[in-house]
Amino acid sequence: MHIEFLGAAQEVTGSCHLVEIGRSRVLLDCGLVQGGGKAKDGEENAADFPFDPASIDAVVLSHSHLDHCGRIPLLVKQGFKGKIYTQRACQEMCRVMYMDAAHINERDAFTQNRKRERKHLPPIEPLFTKEDAEKALRHFRGMDYESSLQVAEGVTATLFDAGHILGSSIVQLDVDDGQGHQRRILFTGDLGHAGAPILRNPTFLHQADVVLMESTYGGRCHRSWEESFQEMAEVLKKAREGGGNLLIPAFAVGRTQELLYLFAKHYKEWEMHNWQIFLDSPMAIEATEVYSHHSDLYDAETRKLWQKHQYKNLLPNLTITRSPEESMEINKHKEGAIIIAGSGMCEGGRIRHHLKNHVWRESTHLVFVGFQARNTLGRRLIEGVKTIKLWGEEIEVAAKIHTINGFSAHADQQGLIEWYRQLEDSPPLLLVHGEEEAQQALIEAIKPWTQARAPEAGDRLDLLDPFAPLSKGS
């Protein structure tokens, strides 16, 4: 009985953990590596898996962000024949994510192959295509929260609401090796930030033999929600008084829906009628529709305010721009526009076009409301870079930069510790999905309750002796 840590080990992306119980092999997540630069990420994501995909019996997926689910189409392409278990809303959201990613993969491969042809180089293949994505989606099986299914011999999965994004799950695996050994593994996936708009708080659980817990913000405490809302109100007021536009790079799933909800909820208080709001992300538009299909997963307040399609009625000044032509029309607005666009870390998507058109203006306000991984354009902007390069052009950064970290969809250090402390008998704690600095801070902070560890990629945990030193996988 072992767990091998294959991704998101002392880093934030590429979530993937292999659970081996007797003859059964189950993956927890199978995500993309991101934030290392397009060439490096592409090479890592296209690399062979450190196991035979055909040997994997099942995948249990925590949620639909690509750093958790993005390599599943490749897994299927390379021979995986089992089922992929996840919450029903997550299953629906994965279709949106995969089709968008496949479109980008195919477009990038086409562009690169035109250049390679001129250099007499062989063509490259996309990481996965739309056809590959469709094949992968046929392997998905939706589950409800707090329902259990046997996903492999000796492995039963139960999903609980993680409160991170729609359909996100804490995964409980109850395992039995058939030789008298039973264990309960908890994998948090990404734990949500208690009090967040729209979704319920993360579920507290009480029993486990081993815990794999995310640590994205293990070294930080968020501002309160009220402080964050007040900061957003102040940014809106300053931007309006300064006569500029407000750019918000936002994740298509989760953050975009929260922003629309908050702009609707505070429409009068924040004088939102003074703005023209643009949702300029085809994927975010589709994701918002998926949110509207699952109001049963909302918290009580949101169910009252935001039913199916209600955001359109609550935000009469919202313009949805699907086509590139509609997106380009936004450039005519030199002031009074709020532009919500992806990608959330500014690594792709329409936000880069808006940066090119606006980031050099002193009247522009650029607002970050989500995590920015190392080596991403978003992180460089937050760190104060003076110029950025887009499509070969050096562009001065004159915009005012704001970071509202209280909007995070991840639990902070206090939230992570509070969630862990609900567990009885202080089970062994393995920290995943966090940069080394954040993990070390959390290890120190949680010492009064347990001695946590942060596995490296390739480390292996013996479930029969979970306090023993970690070994290296085969």
Protein backbone atom coordinates (compact mmCIF):
# COMPACT_ATOMS: atom_id res chain seq x y z
CA MET A 1 0.00 0.00 0.00
CA HIS A 2 1.79 3.10 -1.26
CA ILE A 3 1.29 6.65 -2.50
CA GLU A 4 3.79 8.03 -4.99
CA PHE A 5 3.91 11.81 -5.41
CA LEU A 6 4.34 12.50 -9.12
CA GLY A 7 3.32 16.16 -9.45
CA ALA A 8 2.53 19.33 -7.48
CA ALA A 9 5.30 18.22 -5.11
CA GLN A 10 6.96 21.38 -3.78
CA GLU A 11 5.30 23.25 -6.64
CA VAL A 12 1.79 24.46 -7.39
CA THR A 13 0.96 22.85 -10.74
CA GLY A 14 0.93 19.37 -12.28
CA SER A 15 -1.14 17.68 -9.56
CA CYS A 16 -0.77 13.88 -9.82
CA HIS A 17 -0.46 11.17 -7.13
CA LEU A 18 -0.39 7.43 -7.69
CA VAL A 19 -2.11 5.23 -5.08
CA GLU A 20 -1.16 1.54 -5.21
CA ILE A 21 -3.29 -0.88 -3.20
CA GLY A 22 -2.53 -4.53 -3.85
CA ARG A 23 -2.90 -4.94 -7.59
CA SER A 24 -4.96 -1.74 -7.97
CA ARG A 25 -3.47 1.51 -9.23
CA VAL A 26 -5.49 4.73 -8.91
CA LEU A 27 -4.45 8.26 -9.85
CA LEU A 28 -5.50 11.27 -7.81
CA ASP A 29 -5.61 14.03 -10.46
CA CYS A 30 -3.58 14.19 -13.65
CA GLY A 31 -2.80 17.86 -14.27
CA LEU A 32 -0.74 20.11 -16.51
CA VAL A 33 2.53 21.70 -15.45
CA GLN A 34 2.20 25.48 -15.85
CA GLY A 35 4.24 28.60 -15.17
CA GLY A 36 7.66 27.47 -16.40
CA GLY A 37 7.40 29.13 -19.81
CA LYS A 38 5.65 27.77 -22.89
CA ALA A 39 8.59 25.73 -24.21
CA LYS A 40 9.51 24.15 -20.87
CA ASP A 41 5.89 23.45 -19.90
CA GLY A 42 5.19 21.98 -23.32
CA GLU A 43 8.14 19.64 -23.04
CA GLU A 44 7.18 18.47 -19.54
CA ASN A 45 3.52 17.98 -20.38
CA ALA A 46 4.29 16.00 -23.53
CA ALA A 47 6.81 13.75 -21.75
CA ASP A 48 5.99 10.10 -21.14
CA PHE A 49 4.23 9.32 -17.89
CA PRO A 50 6.42 7.63 -15.26
CA PHE A 51 4.05 4.64 -15.42
CA ASP A 52 2.22 2.72 -18.11
CA PRO A 53 -1.14 4.50 -18.61
CA ALA A 54 -2.75 1.15 -19.44
CA SER A 55 -1.83 -0.09 -15.95
CA ILE A 56 -3.97 2.54 -14.21
CA ASP A 57 -7.37 1.25 -13.11
CA ALA A 58 -9.06 4.59 -12.41
CA VAL A 59 -8.56 8.33 -11.96
CA VAL A 60 -10.33 10.24 -9.20
CA LEU A 61 -10.35 13.92 -10.11
CA SER A 62 -10.62 16.70 -7.53
CA HIS A 63 -11.68 19.52 -9.88
CA SER A 64 -11.59 20.99 -13.36
CA HIS A 65 -8.65 23.40 -13.26
CA LEU A 66 -6.14 22.32 -15.88
CA ASP A 67 -3.29 21.94 -13.41
CA HIS A 68 -5.38 19.09 -11.95
CA CYS A 69 -7.15 17.61 -15.00
CA GLY A 70 -5.24 18.82 -18.06
CA ARG A 71 -3.19 15.69 -18.87
CA ILE A 72 -6.14 13.29 -18.73
CA PRO A 73 -6.73 13.46 -22.52
CA LEU A 74 -3.06 12.55 -23.02
CA LEU A 75 -3.42 9.71 -20.49
CA VAL A 76 -6.31 8.28 -22.53
CA LYS A 77 -4.43 8.87 -25.79
CA GLN A 78 -1.52 6.83 -24.43
CA GLY A 79 -3.57 3.81 -23.40
CA PHE A 80 -5.62 4.45 -20.23
CA LYS A 81 -8.83 2.42 -20.46
CA GLY A 82 -10.40 2.93 -17.04
CA LYS A 83 -12.94 5.42 -15.74
CA ILE A 84 -12.46 8.95 -14.44
CA TYR A 85 -14.57 9.68 -11.36
CA THR A 86 -15.46 13.23 -10.39
CA GLN A 87 -18.36 15.37 -9.18
CA ARG A 88 -21.08 15.90 -11.80
CA ALA A 89 -20.55 19.66 -12.17
CA CYS A 90 -16.82 19.06 -12.55
CA GLN A 91 -17.54 16.56 -15.32
CA GLU A 92 -19.54 19.20 -17.20
CA MET A 93 -16.89 21.85 -16.60
CA CYS A 94 -14.11 19.60 -17.91
CA ARG A 95 -15.77 19.62 -21.32
CA VAL A 96 -15.45 23.42 -21.39
CA MET A 97 -11.84 23.31 -20.23
CA TYR A 98 -10.74 20.57 -22.62
CA MET A 99 -12.35 22.02 -25.72
CA ASP A 100 -10.76 25.40 -25.08
CA ALA A 101 -7.35 23.86 -24.36
CA ALA A 102 -7.57 21.61 -27.43
CA HIS A 103 -8.38 24.62 -29.62
CA ILE A 104 -5.30 26.41 -28.29
CA ASN A 105 -3.15 23.28 -28.71
CA GLU A 106 -4.23 22.84 -32.32
CA ARG A 107 -3.76 26.52 -33.15
CA ASP A 108 -0.29 26.67 -31.56
CA ALA A 109 0.81 23.48 -33.32
CA PHE A 110 -0.40 24.85 -36.66
CA THR A 111 1.53 28.11 -36.13
CA GLN A 112 4.70 26.32 -35.06
CA ASN A 113 4.50 23.83 -37.91
CA ARG A 114 4.36 26.62 -40.48
CA LYS A 115 7.64 27.93 -39.07
CA ARG A 116 9.12 24.45 -38.85
CA GLU A 117 8.21 23.69 -42.45
CA ARG A 118 10.18 26.72 -43.63
CA LYS A 119 13.18 25.36 -41.72
CA HIS A 120 12.64 21.84 -43.12
CA LEU A 121 11.91 20.49 -39.64
CA PRO A 122 9.40 17.69 -38.97
CA PRO A 123 5.96 18.76 -37.71
CA ILE A 124 4.98 18.55 -34.07
CA GLU A 125 1.69 17.22 -32.71
CA PRO A 126 -0.64 19.11 -30.36
CA LEU A 127 -0.57 17.85 -26.78
CA PHE A 128 -4.14 16.76 -27.41
CA THR A 129 -6.80 17.60 -29.98
CA LYS A 130 -10.55 18.09 -29.76
CA GLU A 131 -10.95 14.50 -30.88
CA ASP A 132 -8.64 13.36 -28.05
CA ALA A 133 -10.68 15.44 -25.60
CA GLU A 134 -13.93 13.84 -26.76
CA LYS A 135 -12.43 10.38 -26.27
CA ALA A 136 -11.31 11.31 -22.76
CA LEU A 137 -14.71 12.71 -21.83
CA ARG A 138 -16.31 9.36 -22.67
CA HIS A 139 -14.36 7.87 -19.76
CA PHE A 140 -15.88 10.27 -17.20
CA ARG A 141 -18.40 9.13 -14.60
CA GLY A 142 -20.17 11.80 -12.55
CA MET A 143 -20.74 11.42 -8.82
CA ASP A 144 -22.74 13.34 -6.24
CA TYR A 145 -21.19 14.72 -3.08
CA GLU A 146 -21.17 12.29 -0.15
CA SER A 147 -21.85 9.32 -2.42
CA SER A 148 -19.40 6.40 -2.59
CA LEU A 149 -18.29 4.18 -5.44
CA GLN A 150 -15.80 1.35 -5.72
CA VAL A 151 -13.37 2.70 -8.33
CA ALA A 152 -10.96 -0.26 -8.29
CA GLU A 153 -10.52 -3.51 -6.41
CA GLY A 154 -10.07 -2.56 -2.75
CA VAL A 155 -10.54 1.18 -3.40
CA THR A 156 -13.75 3.08 -2.61
CA ALA A 157 -13.99 6.82 -3.33
CA THR A 158 -16.26 9.34 -1.61
CA LEU A 159 -16.38 13.00 -2.65
CA PHE A 160 -17.02 15.98 -0.35
CA ASP A 161 -17.49 19.65 -1.24
CA ALA A 162 -14.10 21.43 -1.23
CA GLY A 163 -15.63 24.90 -1.78
CA HIS A 164 -12.88 25.87 -4.26
CA ILE A 165 -14.75 26.08 -7.57
CA LEU A 166 -18.00 24.56 -8.78
CA GLY A 167 -17.81 20.79 -8.46
CA SER A 168 -14.50 20.76 -6.59
CA SER A 169 -14.00 17.82 -4.25
CA ILE A 170 -12.12 16.60 -1.25
CA VAL A 171 -11.43 12.97 -2.16
CA GLN A 172 -11.71 10.24 0.48
CA LEU A 173 -10.28 6.86 -0.48
CA ASP A 174 -11.08 3.90 1.75
CA VAL A 175 -8.61 1.18 0.78
CA ASP A 176 -8.24 -2.51 1.59
CA ASP A 177 -5.31 -4.58 0.32
CA GLY A 178 -7.15 -7.86 0.85
CA GLN A 179 -4.61 -8.94 3.47
CA GLY A 180 -6.27 -7.44 6.51
CA HIS A 181 -5.00 -3.87 6.06
CA GLN A 182 -7.46 -0.99 5.71
CA ARG A 183 -6.62 2.69 5.51
CA ARG A 184 -8.44 5.97 4.85
CA ILE A 185 -6.68 8.54 2.66
CA LEU A 186 -7.91 12.13 2.43
CA PHE A 187 -6.79 14.28 -0.51
CA THR A 188 -7.97 17.86 -0.20
CA GLY A 189 -7.54 18.79 -3.84
CA ASP A 190 -7.70 22.58 -3.60
CA LEU A 191 -9.45 23.69 -0.41
CA GLY A 192 -11.69 26.70 -0.77
CA HIS A 193 -11.54 29.98 1.11
CA ALA A 194 -14.32 29.97 3.73
CA GLY A 195 -16.89 32.73 3.20
CA ALA A 196 -16.28 32.96 -0.54
CA PRO A 197 -19.15 34.12 -2.73
CA ILE A 198 -21.46 31.60 -4.41
CA LEU A 199 -20.14 28.30 -3.01
CA ARG A 200 -20.49 26.54 0.31
CA ASN A 201 -17.53 26.35 2.69
CA PRO A 202 -15.16 23.37 2.55
CA THR A 203 -16.53 20.29 4.29
CA PHE A 204 -14.92 19.45 7.62
CA LEU A 205 -14.04 15.77 7.96
CA HIS A 206 -12.99 13.94 11.09
CA GLN A 207 -11.28 10.64 10.36
CA ALA A 208 -8.25 9.73 8.26
CA ASP A 209 -5.11 7.63 8.42
CA VAL A 210 -3.16 9.83 5.98
CA VAL A 211 -3.87 13.34 4.68
CA LEU A 212 -2.58 14.94 1.47
CA MET A 213 -3.30 18.66 1.90
CA GLU A 214 -2.73 21.52 -0.49
CA SER A 215 -0.52 24.38 0.68
CA THR A 216 -0.79 27.11 -1.98
CA TYR A 217 -1.14 29.81 0.67
CA GLY A 218 0.54 27.94 3.51
CA GLY A 219 2.64 31.00 4.29
CA ARG A 220 0.01 33.69 4.04
CA CYS A 221 -3.13 34.90 5.76
CA HIS A 222 -5.74 36.52 3.53
CA ARG A 223 -7.42 39.77 4.27
CA SER A 224 -10.99 39.35 5.40
CA TRP A 225 -13.68 39.24 2.76
CA GLU A 226 -15.06 42.55 3.97
CA GLU A 227 -11.65 44.21 3.65
CA SER A 228 -11.27 42.78 0.16
CA PHE A 229 -14.70 44.02 -0.88
CA GLN A 230 -13.86 47.46 0.48
CA GLU A 231 -10.56 47.46 -1.41
CA MET A 232 -12.37 46.60 -4.65
CA ALA A 233 -14.83 49.43 -4.02
CA GLU A 234 -11.92 51.86 -3.52
CA VAL A 235 -10.17 50.70 -6.70
CA LEU A 236 -13.39 51.16 -8.66
CA LYS A 237 -13.81 54.67 -7.26
CA LYS A 238 -10.21 55.70 -8.03
CA ALA A 239 -10.37 54.29 -11.54
CA ARG A 240 -13.63 56.06 -12.24
CA GLU A 241 -12.33 59.38 -10.89
CA GLY A 242 -9.13 59.00 -12.93
CA GLY A 243 -11.01 58.47 -16.13
CA GLY A 244 -9.46 55.16 -17.09
CA ASN A 245 -10.35 51.54 -17.67
CA LEU A 246 -10.05 48.67 -15.26
CA LEU A 247 -8.54 45.38 -16.42
CA ILE A 248 -9.11 42.20 -14.42
CA PRO A 249 -7.23 39.06 -15.50
CA ALA A 250 -9.52 36.36 -14.17
CA PHE A 251 -9.64 32.59 -14.16
CA ALA A 252 -12.50 31.46 -16.38
CA VAL A 253 -13.79 29.05 -13.76
CA GLY A 254 -14.50 30.43 -10.31
CA ARG A 255 -13.10 33.92 -10.16
CA THR A 256 -15.07 35.27 -13.12
CA GLN A 257 -18.37 34.08 -11.66
CA GLU A 258 -17.48 35.53 -8.25
CA LEU A 259 -16.75 38.93 -9.81
CA LEU A 260 -20.04 39.00 -11.71
CA TYR A 261 -21.90 37.98 -8.57
CA LEU A 262 -20.20 40.68 -6.47
CA PHE A 263 -20.77 43.40 -9.07
CA ALA A 264 -24.44 42.43 -9.09
CA LYS A 265 -24.75 42.18 -5.32
CA HIS A 266 -23.07 45.58 -4.77
CA TYR A 267 -24.53 47.23 -7.88
CA LYS A 268 -25.88 50.29 -6.07
CA GLU A 269 -23.27 50.49 -3.31
CA TRP A 270 -20.34 50.39 -5.75
CA GLU A 271 -22.14 52.59 -8.32
CA MET A 272 -21.69 49.95 -10.98
CA HIS A 273 -24.09 51.83 -13.27
CA ASN A 274 -21.14 54.14 -14.04
CA TRP A 275 -19.32 51.31 -15.81
CA GLN A 276 -19.66 49.28 -18.95
CA ILE A 277 -18.69 45.72 -17.96
CA PHE A 278 -17.25 43.36 -20.57
CA LEU A 279 -16.91 39.64 -20.07
CA ASP A 280 -14.34 38.98 -22.79
CA SER A 281 -13.55 35.30 -22.48
CA PRO A 282 -15.37 32.63 -24.49
CA MET A 283 -14.39 29.95 -21.96
CA ALA A 284 -15.56 32.06 -19.00
CA ILE A 285 -18.88 32.63 -20.77
CA GLU A 286 -19.36 28.87 -21.16
CA ALA A 287 -18.20 28.23 -17.60
CA THR A 288 -20.73 30.76 -16.31
CA GLU A 289 -23.46 28.84 -18.12
CA VAL A 290 -22.30 25.65 -16.38
CA TYR A 291 -22.52 27.47 -13.04
CA SER A 292 -26.12 28.35 -13.87
CA HIS A 293 -26.95 24.65 -14.30
CA HIS A 294 -25.95 23.76 -10.73
CA SER A 295 -27.63 26.20 -8.38
CA ASP A 296 -28.09 23.28 -5.94
CA LEU A 297 -24.38 23.66 -5.15
CA TYR A 298 -24.65 27.37 -4.24
CA ASP A 299 -24.72 28.70 -0.71
CA ALA A 300 -28.08 29.88 0.63
CA GLU A 301 -27.50 33.59 -0.08
CA THR A 302 -26.52 33.01 -3.69
CA ARG A 303 -29.46 30.73 -4.40
CA LYS A 304 -31.71 33.65 -3.51
CA LEU A 305 -29.86 36.26 -5.59
CA TRP A 306 -28.49 34.42 -8.59
CA GLN A 307 -30.66 31.77 -10.20
CA LYS A 308 -30.28 30.55 -13.77
CA HIS A 309 -29.15 33.40 -16.07
CA GLN A 310 -30.05 35.93 -13.38
CA TYR A 311 -26.65 37.62 -13.56
CA LYS A 312 -27.73 39.08 -16.95
CA ASN A 313 -30.72 40.75 -15.31
CA LEU A 314 -28.77 41.89 -12.26
CA LEU A 315 -26.04 43.45 -14.42
CA PRO A 316 -27.87 45.38 -17.14
CA ASN A 317 -24.55 46.96 -18.22
CA LEU A 318 -22.84 43.61 -18.84
CA THR A 319 -21.73 42.93 -22.41
CA ILE A 320 -20.70 39.41 -23.35
CA THR A 321 -18.15 39.34 -26.18
CA ARG A 322 -17.76 35.94 -27.79
CA SER A 323 -16.15 36.69 -31.14
CA PRO A 324 -12.71 38.23 -31.78
CA GLU A 325 -14.45 41.07 -33.63
CA GLU A 326 -16.58 41.89 -30.59
CA SER A 327 -13.47 41.75 -28.41
CA MET A 328 -11.64 44.23 -30.63
CA GLU A 329 -14.57 46.64 -30.41
CA ILE A 330 -13.77 47.05 -26.70
CA ASN A 331 -10.62 48.96 -27.71
CA LYS A 332 -12.83 51.92 -28.60
CA HIS A 333 -13.53 52.43 -24.89
CA LYS A 334 -10.75 54.61 -23.48
CA GLU A 335 -12.46 55.02 -20.12
CA GLY A 336 -15.34 53.69 -18.08
CA ALA A 337 -14.85 50.03 -19.00
CA ILE A 338 -14.29 47.04 -16.74
CA ILE A 339 -12.74 44.28 -18.82
CA ILE A 340 -12.75 40.77 -17.36
CA ALA A 341 -10.65 38.44 -19.49
CA GLY A 342 -8.45 35.37 -19.29
CA SER A 343 -6.06 33.99 -18.70
CA GLY A 344 -5.89 34.61 -14.97
CA MET A 345 -2.08 34.64 -14.93
CA CYS A 346 -1.81 36.61 -18.22
CA GLU A 347 -0.05 33.71 -19.93
CA GLY A 348 -2.53 33.60 -22.81
CA GLY A 349 -6.00 34.63 -23.84
CA ARG A 350 -7.51 38.00 -24.64
CA ILE A 351 -6.14 39.74 -21.56
CA ARG A 352 -2.79 40.00 -23.35
CA HIS A 353 -4.39 42.05 -26.13
CA HIS A 354 -5.97 44.33 -23.55
CA LEU A 355 -2.63 44.71 -21.77
CA LYS A 356 -1.04 45.73 -25.05
CA ASN A 357 -3.75 48.34 -25.59
CA HIS A 358 -3.96 49.69 -22.05
CA VAL A 359 -1.08 48.81 -19.72
CA TRP A 360 1.03 51.74 -20.99
CA ARG A 361 -1.67 54.23 -19.95
CA GLU A 362 -1.29 55.83 -16.51
CA SER A 363 -5.08 55.97 -16.19
CA THR A 364 -5.41 52.17 -16.46
CA HIS A 365 -5.93 50.12 -13.31
CA LEU A 366 -4.85 46.48 -13.48
CA VAL A 367 -6.41 44.39 -10.73
CA PHE A 368 -5.18 40.90 -9.81
CA VAL A 369 -7.65 38.82 -7.85
CA GLY A 370 -6.01 35.39 -8.06
CA PHE A 371 -2.82 33.47 -7.47
CA GLN A 372 0.08 34.25 -9.81
CA ALA A 373 2.56 31.39 -10.20
CA ARG A 374 6.30 31.87 -10.60
CA ASN A 375 7.56 32.88 -14.04
CA THR A 376 4.14 34.00 -15.27
CA LEU A 377 3.50 37.43 -16.76
CA GLY A 378 1.02 38.10 -13.95
CA ARG A 379 3.68 37.43 -11.30
CA ARG A 380 6.17 39.70 -13.10
CA LEU A 381 3.63 42.53 -13.25
CA ILE A 382 2.87 42.19 -9.53
CA GLU A 383 6.60 42.23 -8.78
CA GLY A 384 6.90 45.60 -10.53
CA VAL A 385 8.42 44.89 -13.93
CA LYS A 386 8.82 48.15 -15.89
CA THR A 387 8.26 46.73 -19.38
CA ILE A 388 6.65 43.64 -20.85
CA LYS A 389 7.08 42.02 -24.26
CA LEU A 390 3.97 41.07 -26.21
CA TRP A 391 4.17 39.79 -29.77
CA GLY A 392 7.73 41.01 -30.06
CA GLU A 393 6.95 44.55 -28.88
CA GLU A 394 8.35 46.10 -25.69
CA ILE A 395 5.57 47.87 -23.84
CA GLU A 396 6.01 50.22 -20.90
CA VAL A 397 4.02 49.38 -17.78
CA ALA A 398 2.47 52.62 -16.55
CA ALA A 399 -0.81 51.21 -15.26
CA LYS A 400 -1.56 51.17 -11.55
CA ILE A 401 -1.28 47.59 -10.26
CA HIS A 402 -3.54 46.29 -7.50
CA THR A 403 -3.47 42.89 -5.81
CA ILE A 404 -6.54 41.93 -3.80
CA ASN A 405 -5.37 38.64 -2.33
CA GLY A 406 -8.46 38.16 -0.19
CA PHE A 407 -10.32 37.08 -3.32
CA SER A 408 -8.35 33.86 -3.43
CA ALA A 409 -10.25 30.61 -3.95
CA HIS A 410 -7.65 28.83 -1.79
CA ALA A 411 -7.71 28.53 1.98
CA ASP A 412 -4.97 30.55 3.68
CA GLN A 413 -2.66 29.30 6.43
CA GLN A 414 -5.29 29.78 9.12
CA GLY A 415 -7.95 28.04 7.01
CA LEU A 416 -5.69 25.08 6.24
CA ILE A 417 -4.80 24.62 9.90
CA GLU A 418 -8.43 24.94 10.97
CA TRP A 419 -9.48 22.29 8.44
CA TYR A 420 -6.74 19.88 9.56
CA ARG A 421 -7.55 20.38 13.26
CA GLN A 422 -11.04 18.96 12.75
CA LEU A 423 -9.42 15.55 12.17
CA GLU A 424 -9.15 13.23 15.13
CA ASP A 425 -5.79 11.92 16.40
CA SER A 426 -3.58 14.17 14.22
CA PRO A 427 -3.08 11.84 11.22
CA PRO A 428 0.17 12.00 9.19
CA LEU A 429 0.12 15.14 7.02
CA LEU A 430 1.77 15.40 3.60
CA LEU A 431 1.79 18.85 2.01
CA VAL A 432 1.31 19.08 -1.75
CA HIS A 433 0.40 21.82 -4.25
CA GLY A 434 2.57 24.57 -2.80
CA GLU A 435 5.86 26.33 -3.39
CA GLU A 436 8.63 25.35 -1.00
CA GLU A 437 8.58 28.62 0.94
CA ALA A 438 4.82 28.37 1.59
CA GLN A 439 5.15 24.74 2.64
CA GLN A 440 7.95 25.42 5.09
CA ALA A 441 5.94 28.24 6.66
CA LEU A 442 2.95 25.92 7.09
CA ILE A 443 5.14 23.14 8.53
CA GLU A 444 6.28 25.59 11.21
CA ALA A 445 2.81 26.99 11.89
CA ILE A 446 1.16 23.57 12.25
CA LYS A 447 3.85 22.11 14.56
CA PRO A 448 1.67 22.38 17.70
CA TRP A 449 -0.66 19.79 16.13
CA THR A 450 1.49 17.63 13.85
CA GLN A 451 4.85 17.21 12.15
CA ALA A 452 3.96 17.83 8.50
CA ARG A 453 6.17 16.86 5.58
CA ALA A 454 6.49 18.15 2.01
CA PRO A 455 7.32 15.30 -0.41
CA GLU A 456 9.52 15.84 -3.43
CA ALA A 457 8.52 14.57 -6.87
CA GLY A 458 9.09 10.82 -6.96
CA ASP A 459 8.83 10.33 -3.19
CA ARG A 460 6.86 7.31 -2.02
CA LEU A 461 4.82 6.91 1.18
CA ASP A 462 4.25 3.50 2.79
CA LEU A 463 0.63 3.54 3.99
CA LEU A 464 1.36 0.75 6.47
CA ASP A 465 4.09 2.88 8.08
CA PRO A 466 3.12 6.49 7.24
CA PHE A 467 5.50 8.06 9.79
CA ALA A 468 8.53 6.32 8.27
CA PRO A 469 10.91 8.33 6.07
CA LEU A 470 9.74 8.76 2.48
CA SER A 471 11.45 6.56 -0.08
CA LYS A 472 11.99 7.10 -3.80
CA GLY A 473 9.63 5.43 -6.24
CA SER A 474 10.78 2.77 -8.64
